[in-house]
Amino acid sequence: MDIGIVSTGVYIPETTISADEIARLSNIPVEVIKHKMGILQKPIPGIDDHTVAMGVWAAQEALRKGNVNPKNIDLIIYIGEEHKEYPLWTAAIKIQEEIGAYHAWGFDVAQRCGTTIMAMKVAKSMMESDPSIETVLLAGGYRNGDFIDYTNERTRFMFNLGAGGGAMILRRGHSENVLMESDIVTDGSFSEDVVVPIGGTKTPLTTEGIESGLYRLDVLDPIGMKARLEQKSMQNFLKVIRTSLEKSGFTEQQINYLAILHMKKSAHDYVLNELGLQEMNTTYLNEYGHIGQIDQILSLELAEKEGKIKDGDVVVLVSAGIGYAWGAITVKWGKQQ
């Protein structure tokens, strides 16, 4: 039984911040921002670009492109961030109401920037095991750039965080863009390396904490994290890609397109080189930055527009999220022969 991608949708805010402005705010040379960090510009939220709202707009675009009646959606999985309009709030239910998916039910999932791939795996498994679930909408938004302090050198690797929304519609019995197998690796040794220090039960919000800027993302052990992550990160990227392909019956030599998250240019180039891929086999998101778990959906849409993927291609989506989590899923693109 095939489970395929019917359509995708993205929403990208019109407001942007340039490499020059990031350089000014961070006191880092603009050449480093552009060529090492790989950021020419990135979208930032406008006044109405709230997290779930951006997911709703992306979902509406996916419904339009796929000619899908929202009343035919059986399940909505929210794939956006927990930094959203309200805390303690199930976003999937709001999306259900906004798009008119009155026959659906929904829930939220989270694995930071690995959420989309994890949710695709969850949705596929649920559709295979429950015959009442035929059409699933994955949708969400991201604006974790709100938590970045450009004067904090410990968080330089997150200066690429942007904003946007993404959506994907999956359907059982859809023999196009067929989901194959996935692989996910998590490593809890990094679980408290990158956090927002205040606002949880451990250290509640206080006036002093807010005034001190502790409500932003920070790295508690930057030297230790860098040493440990350098040993594991690239190997785990390659592992999940290769394992996803192997479980799907393919090899890395058969990859036609890699939908990869935005990362610094040297790391991006390393992954491509290890897999024997060229820039034509991917899209470097240097005009978008890192929109968290939306990157893979955005990359697919850009690839379609630029003619980088065609029927029969082997497409791999790959992600990494703080925590740390690495994930990949293989898709047999287009109409199946």
C-alpha atoms as a PDB file:
ATOM      1  CA  MET A   1       0.000   0.000   0.000  1.00  0.00           C
ATOM      2  CA  ASP A   2       1.507   3.289  -1.142  1.00  0.00           C
ATOM      3  CA  ILE A   3       1.414   6.401   1.006  1.00  0.00           C
ATOM      4  CA  GLY A   4       2.350   9.451  -1.005  1.00  0.00           C
ATOM      5  CA  ILE A   5       2.749  13.211  -0.802  1.00  0.00           C
ATOM      6  CA  VAL A   6      -0.226  14.848  -2.486  1.00  0.00           C
ATOM      7  CA  SER A   7       1.037  18.411  -2.169  1.00  0.00           C
ATOM      8  CA  THR A   8       3.069  20.827  -0.081  1.00  0.00           C
ATOM      9  CA  GLY A   9       2.703  24.476   0.842  1.00  0.00           C
ATOM     10  CA  VAL A  10       4.980  27.126   2.286  1.00  0.00           C
ATOM     11  CA  TYR A  11       4.538  30.593   3.669  1.00  0.00           C
ATOM     12  CA  ILE A  12       7.563  32.898   3.796  1.00  0.00           C
ATOM     13  CA  PRO A  13       7.266  36.329   5.469  1.00  0.00           C
ATOM     14  CA  GLU A  14       7.953  39.342   3.281  1.00  0.00           C
ATOM     15  CA  THR A  15      10.127  40.931   5.976  1.00  0.00           C
ATOM     16  CA  THR A  16      13.811  39.998   5.843  1.00  0.00           C
ATOM     17  CA  ILE A  17      17.069  40.747   7.594  1.00  0.00           C
ATOM     18  CA  SER A  18      20.216  41.021   5.487  1.00  0.00           C
ATOM     19  CA  ALA A  19      23.699  39.672   6.075  1.00  0.00           C
ATOM     20  CA  ASP A  20      24.873  43.262   6.487  1.00  0.00           C
ATOM     21  CA  GLU A  21      22.394  43.876   9.290  1.00  0.00           C
ATOM     22  CA  ILE A  22      23.302  40.618  11.054  1.00  0.00           C
ATOM     23  CA  ALA A  23      26.949  41.641  10.775  1.00  0.00           C
ATOM     24  CA  ARG A  24      26.183  45.018  12.314  1.00  0.00           C
ATOM     25  CA  LEU A  25      24.191  43.515  15.202  1.00  0.00           C
ATOM     26  CA  SER A  26      26.743  40.795  15.940  1.00  0.00           C
ATOM     27  CA  ASN A  27      29.959  42.695  15.169  1.00  0.00           C
ATOM     28  CA  ILE A  28      31.002  39.836  12.881  1.00  0.00           C
ATOM     29  CA  PRO A  29      32.479  40.630   9.435  1.00  0.00           C
ATOM     30  CA  VAL A  30      29.822  40.438   6.751  1.00  0.00           C
ATOM     31  CA  GLU A  31      32.054  38.113   4.695  1.00  0.00           C
ATOM     32  CA  VAL A  32      31.847  35.579   7.538  1.00  0.00           C
ATOM     33  CA  ILE A  33      28.067  35.877   7.663  1.00  0.00           C
ATOM     34  CA  LYS A  34      27.748  35.399   3.913  1.00  0.00           C
ATOM     35  CA  HIS A  35      30.430  32.842   3.100  1.00  0.00           C
ATOM     36  CA  LYS A  36      31.072  30.869   6.299  1.00  0.00           C
ATOM     37  CA  MET A  37      27.626  30.944   7.900  1.00  0.00           C
ATOM     38  CA  GLY A  38      25.999  30.927   4.458  1.00  0.00           C
ATOM     39  CA  ILE A  39      23.423  33.660   5.075  1.00  0.00           C
ATOM     40  CA  LEU A  40      22.715  36.252   2.401  1.00  0.00           C
ATOM     41  CA  GLN A  41      19.415  37.133   3.999  1.00  0.00           C
ATOM     42  CA  LYS A  42      16.677  35.388   5.951  1.00  0.00           C
ATOM     43  CA  PRO A  43      12.961  35.969   6.542  1.00  0.00           C
ATOM     44  CA  ILE A  44      11.867  37.348   9.897  1.00  0.00           C
ATOM     45  CA  PRO A  45       8.266  37.598  11.103  1.00  0.00           C
ATOM     46  CA  GLY A  46       6.129  40.601  10.310  1.00  0.00           C
ATOM     47  CA  ILE A  47       3.586  41.934  12.781  1.00  0.00           C
ATOM     48  CA  ASP A  48       0.953  39.280  11.907  1.00  0.00           C
ATOM     49  CA  ASP A  49       3.320  36.387  11.199  1.00  0.00           C
ATOM     50  CA  HIS A  50       2.561  34.289  14.252  1.00  0.00           C
ATOM     51  CA  THR A  51       3.734  30.688  14.419  1.00  0.00           C
ATOM     52  CA  VAL A  52       0.470  28.805  13.967  1.00  0.00           C
ATOM     53  CA  ALA A  53      -0.935  31.445  11.623  1.00  0.00           C
ATOM     54  CA  MET A  54       1.979  30.817   9.244  1.00  0.00           C
ATOM     55  CA  GLY A  55       1.240  27.093   9.438  1.00  0.00           C
ATOM     56  CA  VAL A  56      -2.409  27.770   8.574  1.00  0.00           C
ATOM     57  CA  TRP A  57      -1.440  29.824   5.521  1.00  0.00           C
ATOM     58  CA  ALA A  58       0.935  27.086   4.357  1.00  0.00           C
ATOM     59  CA  ALA A  59      -1.803  24.478   4.882  1.00  0.00           C
ATOM     60  CA  GLN A  60      -4.258  26.507   2.816  1.00  0.00           C
ATOM     61  CA  GLU A  61      -1.684  26.657   0.017  1.00  0.00           C
ATOM     62  CA  ALA A  62      -1.149  22.885   0.170  1.00  0.00           C
ATOM     63  CA  LEU A  63      -4.930  22.316   0.028  1.00  0.00           C
ATOM     64  CA  ARG A  64      -5.186  24.602  -3.007  1.00  0.00           C
ATOM     65  CA  LYS A  65      -2.282  23.011  -4.852  1.00  0.00           C
ATOM     66  CA  GLY A  66      -3.481  19.480  -4.133  1.00  0.00           C
ATOM     67  CA  ASN A  67      -7.149  20.280  -4.849  1.00  0.00           C
ATOM     68  CA  VAL A  68      -7.970  18.715  -1.492  1.00  0.00           C
ATOM     69  CA  ASN A  69     -11.259  19.385   0.297  1.00  0.00           C
ATOM     70  CA  PRO A  70     -10.422  20.069   3.958  1.00  0.00           C
ATOM     71  CA  LYS A  71     -13.478  18.029   4.952  1.00  0.00           C
ATOM     72  CA  ASN A  72     -11.678  14.979   3.562  1.00  0.00           C
ATOM     73  CA  ILE A  73      -8.751  15.342   5.982  1.00  0.00           C
ATOM     74  CA  ASP A  74      -8.828  12.677   8.684  1.00  0.00           C
ATOM     75  CA  LEU A  75      -5.899  13.752  10.846  1.00  0.00           C
ATOM     76  CA  ILE A  76      -3.893  16.931  11.432  1.00  0.00           C
ATOM     77  CA  ILE A  77      -0.423  16.737  12.954  1.00  0.00           C
ATOM     78  CA  TYR A  78       1.067  20.057  14.039  1.00  0.00           C
ATOM     79  CA  ILE A  79       4.767  20.088  13.156  1.00  0.00           C
ATOM     80  CA  GLY A  80       5.574  23.656  14.181  1.00  0.00           C
ATOM     81  CA  GLU A  81       7.355  25.005  17.219  1.00  0.00           C
ATOM     82  CA  GLU A  82       6.104  25.277  20.791  1.00  0.00           C
ATOM     83  CA  HIS A  83       7.009  28.981  20.648  1.00  0.00           C
ATOM     84  CA  LYS A  84       3.630  30.054  19.309  1.00  0.00           C
ATOM     85  CA  GLU A  85       0.656  32.331  19.915  1.00  0.00           C
ATOM     86  CA  TYR A  86      -0.138  30.909  23.350  1.00  0.00           C
ATOM     87  CA  PRO A  87       1.582  28.485  25.741  1.00  0.00           C
ATOM     88  CA  LEU A  88      -0.162  25.260  26.826  1.00  0.00           C
ATOM     89  CA  TRP A  89      -2.139  25.252  23.571  1.00  0.00           C
ATOM     90  CA  THR A  90      -2.803  22.434  21.089  1.00  0.00           C
ATOM     91  CA  ALA A  91      -2.088  24.064  17.750  1.00  0.00           C
ATOM     92  CA  ALA A  92      -3.446  21.249  15.547  1.00  0.00           C
ATOM     93  CA  ILE A  93      -6.951  21.962  16.843  1.00  0.00           C
ATOM     94  CA  LYS A  94      -6.622  25.640  15.861  1.00  0.00           C
ATOM     95  CA  ILE A  95      -5.464  24.623  12.373  1.00  0.00           C
ATOM     96  CA  GLN A  96      -8.439  22.255  12.122  1.00  0.00           C
ATOM     97  CA  GLU A  97     -10.821  25.133  12.814  1.00  0.00           C
ATOM     98  CA  GLU A  98      -9.100  27.663  10.552  1.00  0.00           C
ATOM     99  CA  ILE A  99      -9.048  25.435   7.456  1.00  0.00           C
ATOM    100  CA  GLY A 100     -12.473  23.879   8.013  1.00  0.00           C
ATOM    101  CA  ALA A 101     -11.284  20.305   8.539  1.00  0.00           C
ATOM    102  CA  TYR A 102     -14.395  19.503  10.527  1.00  0.00           C
ATOM    103  CA  HIS A 103     -14.120  15.727  10.193  1.00  0.00           C
ATOM    104  CA  ALA A 104     -10.494  15.553  11.332  1.00  0.00           C
ATOM    105  CA  TRP A 105      -8.855  15.225  14.713  1.00  0.00           C
ATOM    106  CA  GLY A 106      -5.397  16.472  15.588  1.00  0.00           C
ATOM    107  CA  PHE A 107      -2.423  16.525  17.869  1.00  0.00           C
ATOM    108  CA  ASP A 108       0.957  18.238  18.179  1.00  0.00           C
ATOM    109  CA  VAL A 109       4.396  16.621  17.931  1.00  0.00           C
ATOM    110  CA  ALA A 110       7.840  18.064  18.600  1.00  0.00           C
ATOM    111  CA  GLN A 111      11.439  17.133  17.954  1.00  0.00           C
ATOM    112  CA  ARG A 112      12.716  20.626  17.310  1.00  0.00           C
ATOM    113  CA  CYS A 113      14.091  20.923  13.773  1.00  0.00           C
ATOM    114  CA  GLY A 114      13.647  17.174  13.236  1.00  0.00           C
ATOM    115  CA  THR A 115       9.877  17.355  13.637  1.00  0.00           C
ATOM    116  CA  THR A 116       8.780  17.137   9.989  1.00  0.00           C
ATOM    117  CA  ILE A 117      10.638  13.917   9.264  1.00  0.00           C
ATOM    118  CA  MET A 118       9.561  12.403  12.577  1.00  0.00           C
ATOM    119  CA  ALA A 119       5.934  13.376  11.848  1.00  0.00           C
ATOM    120  CA  MET A 120       6.114  11.819   8.366  1.00  0.00           C
ATOM    121  CA  LYS A 121       7.242   8.573  10.004  1.00  0.00           C
ATOM    122  CA  VAL A 122       4.442   8.772  12.591  1.00  0.00           C
ATOM    123  CA  ALA A 123       1.798   9.592   9.975  1.00  0.00           C
ATOM    124  CA  LYS A 124       2.914   6.736   7.715  1.00  0.00           C
ATOM    125  CA  SER A 125       2.756   4.252  10.584  1.00  0.00           C
ATOM    126  CA  MET A 126      -0.671   5.469  11.680  1.00  0.00           C
ATOM    127  CA  MET A 127      -2.065   5.254   8.149  1.00  0.00           C
ATOM    128  CA  GLU A 128      -0.728   1.732   7.768  1.00  0.00           C
ATOM    129  CA  SER A 129      -2.263   0.567  11.044  1.00  0.00           C
ATOM    130  CA  ASP A 130      -5.589   2.445  11.073  1.00  0.00           C
ATOM    131  CA  PRO A 131      -7.817   2.108   7.965  1.00  0.00           C
ATOM    132  CA  SER A 132      -9.922   5.086   9.061  1.00  0.00           C
ATOM    133  CA  ILE A 133      -6.969   7.442   8.422  1.00  0.00           C
ATOM    134  CA  GLU A 134      -6.653   8.062   4.693  1.00  0.00           C
ATOM    135  CA  THR A 135      -5.576  11.706   4.432  1.00  0.00           C
ATOM    136  CA  VAL A 136      -3.202  13.443   6.838  1.00  0.00           C
ATOM    137  CA  LEU A 137      -2.160  17.093   6.977  1.00  0.00           C
ATOM    138  CA  LEU A 138       1.179  18.033   8.518  1.00  0.00           C
ATOM    139  CA  ALA A 139       1.404  21.780   9.142  1.00  0.00           C
ATOM    140  CA  GLY A 140       3.179  24.268  11.345  1.00  0.00           C
ATOM    141  CA  GLY A 141       5.194  27.429  11.655  1.00  0.00           C
ATOM    142  CA  TYR A 142       8.557  28.525  13.005  1.00  0.00           C
ATOM    143  CA  ARG A 143       9.983  31.771  14.365  1.00  0.00           C
ATOM    144  CA  ASN A 144      12.600  30.711  16.900  1.00  0.00           C
ATOM    145  CA  GLY A 145      14.776  33.532  15.640  1.00  0.00           C
ATOM    146  CA  ASP A 146      12.893  35.527  18.276  1.00  0.00           C
ATOM    147  CA  PHE A 147      15.170  33.856  20.828  1.00  0.00           C
ATOM    148  CA  ILE A 148      18.463  34.900  19.261  1.00  0.00           C
ATOM    149  CA  ASP A 149      20.727  37.509  20.839  1.00  0.00           C
ATOM    150  CA  TYR A 150      23.221  38.520  18.155  1.00  0.00           C
ATOM    151  CA  THR A 151      25.673  39.731  20.790  1.00  0.00           C
ATOM    152  CA  ASN A 152      25.923  36.243  22.339  1.00  0.00           C
ATOM    153  CA  GLU A 153      28.863  34.496  20.676  1.00  0.00           C
ATOM    154  CA  ARG A 154      27.820  31.156  22.195  1.00  0.00           C
ATOM    155  CA  THR A 155      24.817  31.045  19.883  1.00  0.00           C
ATOM    156  CA  ARG A 156      26.562  32.034  16.631  1.00  0.00           C
ATOM    157  CA  PHE A 157      25.630  28.716  15.008  1.00  0.00           C
ATOM    158  CA  MET A 158      21.961  29.702  15.430  1.00  0.00           C
ATOM    159  CA  PHE A 159      22.215  33.149  13.834  1.00  0.00           C
ATOM    160  CA  ASN A 160      20.636  31.578  10.739  1.00  0.00           C
ATOM    161  CA  LEU A 161      17.256  30.978  12.451  1.00  0.00           C
ATOM    162  CA  GLY A 162      14.481  32.470  10.331  1.00  0.00           C
ATOM    163  CA  ALA A 163      10.695  32.352  10.106  1.00  0.00           C
ATOM    164  CA  GLY A 164       8.039  30.715   7.972  1.00  0.00           C
ATOM    165  CA  GLY A 165       5.367  28.056   7.701  1.00  0.00           C
ATOM    166  CA  GLY A 166       5.146  24.715   5.933  1.00  0.00           C
ATOM    167  CA  ALA A 167       2.586  22.015   5.216  1.00  0.00           C
ATOM    168  CA  MET A 168       2.389  18.606   3.588  1.00  0.00           C
ATOM    169  CA  ILE A 169      -0.628  16.474   2.691  1.00  0.00           C
ATOM    170  CA  LEU A 170      -0.214  12.686   2.724  1.00  0.00           C
ATOM    171  CA  ARG A 171      -2.733  10.150   1.391  1.00  0.00           C
ATOM    172  CA  ARG A 172      -3.010   6.379   1.576  1.00  0.00           C
ATOM    173  CA  GLY A 173      -3.275   4.823  -1.885  1.00  0.00           C
ATOM    174  CA  HIS A 174      -1.556   7.821  -3.517  1.00  0.00           C
ATOM    175  CA  SER A 175       1.051   6.347  -5.875  1.00  0.00           C
ATOM    176  CA  GLU A 176       3.003   9.554  -6.421  1.00  0.00           C
ATOM    177  CA  ASN A 177       5.848  10.903  -4.291  1.00  0.00           C
ATOM    178  CA  VAL A 178       5.744   7.689  -2.283  1.00  0.00           C
ATOM    179  CA  LEU A 179       7.127   7.637   1.251  1.00  0.00           C
ATOM    180  CA  MET A 180       9.681   4.896   1.700  1.00  0.00           C
ATOM    181  CA  GLU A 181      11.576   4.200   4.926  1.00  0.00           C
ATOM    182  CA  SER A 182      13.066   6.505   7.530  1.00  0.00           C
ATOM    183  CA  ASP A 183      15.763   6.489  10.186  1.00  0.00           C
ATOM    184  CA  ILE A 184      16.069   8.602  13.327  1.00  0.00           C
ATOM    185  CA  VAL A 185      18.902   8.873  15.842  1.00  0.00           C
ATOM    186  CA  THR A 186      18.757  10.776  19.133  1.00  0.00           C
ATOM    187  CA  ASP A 187      21.539  11.447  21.627  1.00  0.00           C
ATOM    188  CA  GLY A 188      20.471  12.607  25.076  1.00  0.00           C
ATOM    189  CA  SER A 189      23.982  13.649  26.070  1.00  0.00           C
ATOM    190  CA  PHE A 190      23.165  16.957  24.328  1.00  0.00           C
ATOM    191  CA  SER A 191      19.702  17.346  25.854  1.00  0.00           C
ATOM    192  CA  GLU A 192      20.552  20.337  28.079  1.00  0.00           C
ATOM    193  CA  ASP A 193      23.265  21.939  25.978  1.00  0.00           C
ATOM    194  CA  VAL A 194      20.983  24.386  24.151  1.00  0.00           C
ATOM    195  CA  VAL A 195      18.137  25.805  26.231  1.00  0.00           C
ATOM    196  CA  VAL A 196      16.199  28.925  27.111  1.00  0.00           C
ATOM    197  CA  PRO A 197      17.396  29.212  30.717  1.00  0.00           C
ATOM    198  CA  ILE A 198      14.203  30.668  32.208  1.00  0.00           C
ATOM    199  CA  GLY A 199      10.487  30.184  31.693  1.00  0.00           C
ATOM    200  CA  GLY A 200      10.160  26.534  32.680  1.00  0.00           C
ATOM    201  CA  THR A 201       9.413  24.920  36.021  1.00  0.00           C
ATOM    202  CA  LYS A 202      13.113  24.745  36.892  1.00  0.00           C
ATOM    203  CA  THR A 203      13.617  28.506  36.705  1.00  0.00           C
ATOM    204  CA  PRO A 204      10.346  30.401  36.276  1.00  0.00           C
ATOM    205  CA  LEU A 205      10.098  33.767  34.564  1.00  0.00           C
ATOM    206  CA  THR A 206      11.073  36.730  36.709  1.00  0.00           C
ATOM    207  CA  THR A 207      11.425  40.418  36.002  1.00  0.00           C
ATOM    208  CA  GLU A 208      15.148  40.168  36.701  1.00  0.00           C
ATOM    209  CA  GLY A 209      15.552  37.230  34.343  1.00  0.00           C
ATOM    210  CA  ILE A 210      13.749  39.006  31.534  1.00  0.00           C
ATOM    211  CA  GLU A 211      15.716  42.197  32.025  1.00  0.00           C
ATOM    212  CA  SER A 212      18.937  40.142  31.930  1.00  0.00           C
ATOM    213  CA  GLY A 213      17.998  38.605  28.579  1.00  0.00           C
ATOM    214  CA  LEU A 214      17.825  35.062  29.951  1.00  0.00           C
ATOM    215  CA  TYR A 215      14.626  34.374  27.988  1.00  0.00           C
ATOM    216  CA  ARG A 216      16.725  33.812  24.862  1.00  0.00           C
ATOM    217  CA  LEU A 217      18.462  30.672  23.616  1.00  0.00           C
ATOM    218  CA  ASP A 218      21.838  29.992  25.162  1.00  0.00           C
ATOM    219  CA  VAL A 219      24.502  27.288  25.190  1.00  0.00           C
ATOM    220  CA  LEU A 220      25.356  26.219  28.720  1.00  0.00           C
ATOM    221  CA  ASP A 221      28.580  24.342  27.864  1.00  0.00           C
ATOM    222  CA  PRO A 222      29.820  25.748  24.543  1.00  0.00           C
ATOM    223  CA  ILE A 223      33.305  24.202  24.629  1.00  0.00           C
ATOM    224  CA  GLY A 224      32.089  20.771  25.682  1.00  0.00           C
ATOM    225  CA  MET A 225      29.193  20.781  23.245  1.00  0.00           C
ATOM    226  CA  LYS A 226      31.404  21.760  20.316  1.00  0.00           C
ATOM    227  CA  ALA A 227      33.888  18.985  21.085  1.00  0.00           C
ATOM    228  CA  ARG A 228      31.195  16.333  21.485  1.00  0.00           C
ATOM    229  CA  LEU A 229      29.082  17.460  18.537  1.00  0.00           C
ATOM    230  CA  GLU A 230      32.001  17.580  16.120  1.00  0.00           C
ATOM    231  CA  GLN A 231      32.664  13.919  16.867  1.00  0.00           C
ATOM    232  CA  LYS A 232      29.105  12.829  16.143  1.00  0.00           C
ATOM    233  CA  SER A 233      27.116  15.263  14.041  1.00  0.00           C
ATOM    234  CA  MET A 234      28.346  14.610  10.505  1.00  0.00           C
ATOM    235  CA  GLN A 235      28.574  10.865  11.108  1.00  0.00           C
ATOM    236  CA  ASN A 236      24.967  10.809  12.289  1.00  0.00           C
ATOM    237  CA  PHE A 237      23.843  12.879   9.305  1.00  0.00           C
ATOM    238  CA  LEU A 238      25.385  10.335   6.989  1.00  0.00           C
ATOM    239  CA  LYS A 239      24.161   7.382   9.050  1.00  0.00           C
ATOM    240  CA  VAL A 240      20.476   8.332   8.923  1.00  0.00           C
ATOM    241  CA  ILE A 241      20.682   9.086   5.201  1.00  0.00           C
ATOM    242  CA  ARG A 242      22.372   5.794   4.388  1.00  0.00           C
ATOM    243  CA  THR A 243      20.141   3.747   6.680  1.00  0.00           C
ATOM    244  CA  SER A 244      16.964   5.320   5.297  1.00  0.00           C
ATOM    245  CA  LEU A 245      18.147   4.505   1.781  1.00  0.00           C
ATOM    246  CA  GLU A 246      19.170   0.941   2.678  1.00  0.00           C
ATOM    247  CA  LYS A 247      15.823   0.233   4.365  1.00  0.00           C
ATOM    248  CA  SER A 248      14.124   1.596   1.228  1.00  0.00           C
ATOM    249  CA  GLY A 249      16.146  -0.606  -1.126  1.00  0.00           C
ATOM    250  CA  PHE A 250      18.441   2.102  -2.500  1.00  0.00           C
ATOM    251  CA  THR A 251      22.068   3.166  -2.213  1.00  0.00           C
ATOM    252  CA  GLU A 252      23.586   6.617  -1.862  1.00  0.00           C
ATOM    253  CA  GLN A 253      24.718   6.424  -5.490  1.00  0.00           C
ATOM    254  CA  GLN A 254      21.028   6.518  -6.451  1.00  0.00           C
ATOM    255  CA  ILE A 255      20.212   9.805  -4.689  1.00  0.00           C
ATOM    256  CA  ASN A 256      18.932  12.385  -7.155  1.00  0.00           C
ATOM    257  CA  TYR A 257      18.026  15.125  -4.686  1.00  0.00           C
ATOM    258  CA  LEU A 258      18.855  15.837  -1.044  1.00  0.00           C
ATOM    259  CA  ALA A 259      16.419  18.130   0.810  1.00  0.00           C
ATOM    260  CA  ILE A 260      18.750  19.225   3.576  1.00  0.00           C
ATOM    261  CA  LEU A 261      18.388  21.833   6.295  1.00  0.00           C
ATOM    262  CA  HIS A 262      20.403  25.033   6.156  1.00  0.00           C
ATOM    263  CA  MET A 263      23.772  24.782   7.904  1.00  0.00           C
ATOM    264  CA  LYS A 264      27.145  26.471   7.611  1.00  0.00           C
ATOM    265  CA  LYS A 265      28.578  26.114   4.113  1.00  0.00           C
ATOM    266  CA  SER A 266      31.522  23.888   5.049  1.00  0.00           C
ATOM    267  CA  ALA A 267      29.220  21.336   6.727  1.00  0.00           C
ATOM    268  CA  HIS A 268      26.810  21.445   3.777  1.00  0.00           C
ATOM    269  CA  ASP A 269      29.657  20.838   1.344  1.00  0.00           C
ATOM    270  CA  TYR A 270      31.038  18.007   3.494  1.00  0.00           C
ATOM    271  CA  VAL A 271      27.747  16.091   3.407  1.00  0.00           C
ATOM    272  CA  LEU A 272      27.460  16.517  -0.370  1.00  0.00           C
ATOM    273  CA  ASN A 273      31.051  15.418  -0.918  1.00  0.00           C
ATOM    274  CA  GLU A 274      30.664  12.310   1.257  1.00  0.00           C
ATOM    275  CA  LEU A 275      27.571  11.285  -0.715  1.00  0.00           C
ATOM    276  CA  GLY A 276      29.082  12.093  -4.115  1.00  0.00           C
ATOM    277  CA  LEU A 277      26.501  14.811  -4.805  1.00  0.00           C
ATOM    278  CA  GLN A 278      26.754  18.152  -6.586  1.00  0.00           C
ATOM    279  CA  GLU A 279      24.975  21.455  -5.946  1.00  0.00           C
ATOM    280  CA  MET A 280      22.486  20.504  -8.684  1.00  0.00           C
ATOM    281  CA  ASN A 281      21.374  17.685  -6.372  1.00  0.00           C
ATOM    282  CA  THR A 282      20.283  19.994  -3.571  1.00  0.00           C
ATOM    283  CA  THR A 283      19.376  23.583  -2.718  1.00  0.00           C
ATOM    284  CA  TYR A 284      21.489  25.684  -0.387  1.00  0.00           C
ATOM    285  CA  LEU A 285      19.053  27.870   1.522  1.00  0.00           C
ATOM    286  CA  ASN A 286      21.325  30.901   1.841  1.00  0.00           C
ATOM    287  CA  GLU A 287      18.483  33.299   1.027  1.00  0.00           C
ATOM    288  CA  TYR A 288      16.221  31.753   3.665  1.00  0.00           C
ATOM    289  CA  GLY A 289      18.468  30.680   6.510  1.00  0.00           C
ATOM    290  CA  HIS A 290      17.246  27.885   8.755  1.00  0.00           C
ATOM    291  CA  ILE A 291      13.460  27.818   9.173  1.00  0.00           C
ATOM    292  CA  GLY A 292      13.689  24.851  11.513  1.00  0.00           C
ATOM    293  CA  GLN A 293      11.602  21.857  10.495  1.00  0.00           C
ATOM    294  CA  ILE A 294      10.214  23.779   7.516  1.00  0.00           C
ATOM    295  CA  ASP A 295      13.529  23.541   5.620  1.00  0.00           C
ATOM    296  CA  GLN A 296      12.817  20.175   4.005  1.00  0.00           C
ATOM    297  CA  ILE A 297       9.394  21.256   2.699  1.00  0.00           C
ATOM    298  CA  LEU A 298      10.850  24.513   1.395  1.00  0.00           C
ATOM    299  CA  SER A 299      13.704  22.650  -0.282  1.00  0.00           C
ATOM    300  CA  LEU A 300      11.245  20.341  -2.065  1.00  0.00           C
ATOM    301  CA  GLU A 301       9.216  23.276  -3.345  1.00  0.00           C
ATOM    302  CA  LEU A 302      12.294  25.108  -4.611  1.00  0.00           C
ATOM    303  CA  ALA A 303      13.543  21.925  -6.292  1.00  0.00           C
ATOM    304  CA  GLU A 304      10.235  21.501  -8.108  1.00  0.00           C
ATOM    305  CA  LYS A 305      10.263  25.115  -9.304  1.00  0.00           C
ATOM    306  CA  GLU A 306      13.854  24.818 -10.508  1.00  0.00           C
ATOM    307  CA  GLY A 307      13.297  21.448 -12.241  1.00  0.00           C
ATOM    308  CA  LYS A 308      15.776  19.631 -10.011  1.00  0.00           C
ATOM    309  CA  ILE A 309      13.472  16.637  -9.392  1.00  0.00           C
ATOM    310  CA  LYS A 310      11.464  14.556 -11.817  1.00  0.00           C
ATOM    311  CA  ASP A 311       9.390  11.381 -11.929  1.00  0.00           C
ATOM    312  CA  GLY A 312      11.301   8.359 -10.694  1.00  0.00           C
ATOM    313  CA  ASP A 313      13.927  10.297  -8.759  1.00  0.00           C
ATOM    314  CA  VAL A 314      15.129   9.133  -5.355  1.00  0.00           C
ATOM    315  CA  VAL A 315      14.737  12.041  -2.942  1.00  0.00           C
ATOM    316  CA  VAL A 316      16.034  12.057   0.629  1.00  0.00           C
ATOM    317  CA  LEU A 317      14.900  14.526   3.278  1.00  0.00           C
ATOM    318  CA  VAL A 318      17.367  14.986   6.148  1.00  0.00           C
ATOM    319  CA  SER A 319      17.238  17.019   9.337  1.00  0.00           C
ATOM    320  CA  ALA A 320      18.928  17.671  12.664  1.00  0.00           C
ATOM    321  CA  GLY A 321      17.482  19.229  15.789  1.00  0.00           C
ATOM    322  CA  ILE A 322      18.961  20.398  19.051  1.00  0.00           C
ATOM    323  CA  GLY A 323      18.629  17.791  21.716  1.00  0.00           C
ATOM    324  CA  TYR A 324      20.207  16.236  19.570  1.00  0.00           C
ATOM    325  CA  ALA A 325      18.214  14.403  16.903  1.00  0.00           C
ATOM    326  CA  TRP A 326      19.068  13.409  13.337  1.00  0.00           C
ATOM    327  CA  GLY A 327      16.512  12.029  10.889  1.00  0.00           C
ATOM    328  CA  ALA A 328      16.079  11.091   7.243  1.00  0.00           C
ATOM    329  CA  ILE A 329      13.301   9.719   5.075  1.00  0.00           C
ATOM    330  CA  THR A 330      13.459   8.509   1.477  1.00  0.00           C
ATOM    331  CA  VAL A 331      10.794   9.434  -1.088  1.00  0.00           C
ATOM    332  CA  LYS A 332      10.354   7.894  -4.536  1.00  0.00           C
ATOM    333  CA  TRP A 333       9.398  11.021  -6.409  1.00  0.00           C
ATOM    334  CA  GLY A 334       6.694  11.531  -9.022  1.00  0.00           C
ATOM    335  CA  LYS A 335       4.477   9.028 -10.740  1.00  0.00           C
ATOM    336  CA  GLN A 336       5.625   5.469 -10.205  1.00  0.00           C
ATOM    337  CA  GLN A 337       6.530   3.419 -13.248  1.00  0.00           C
END
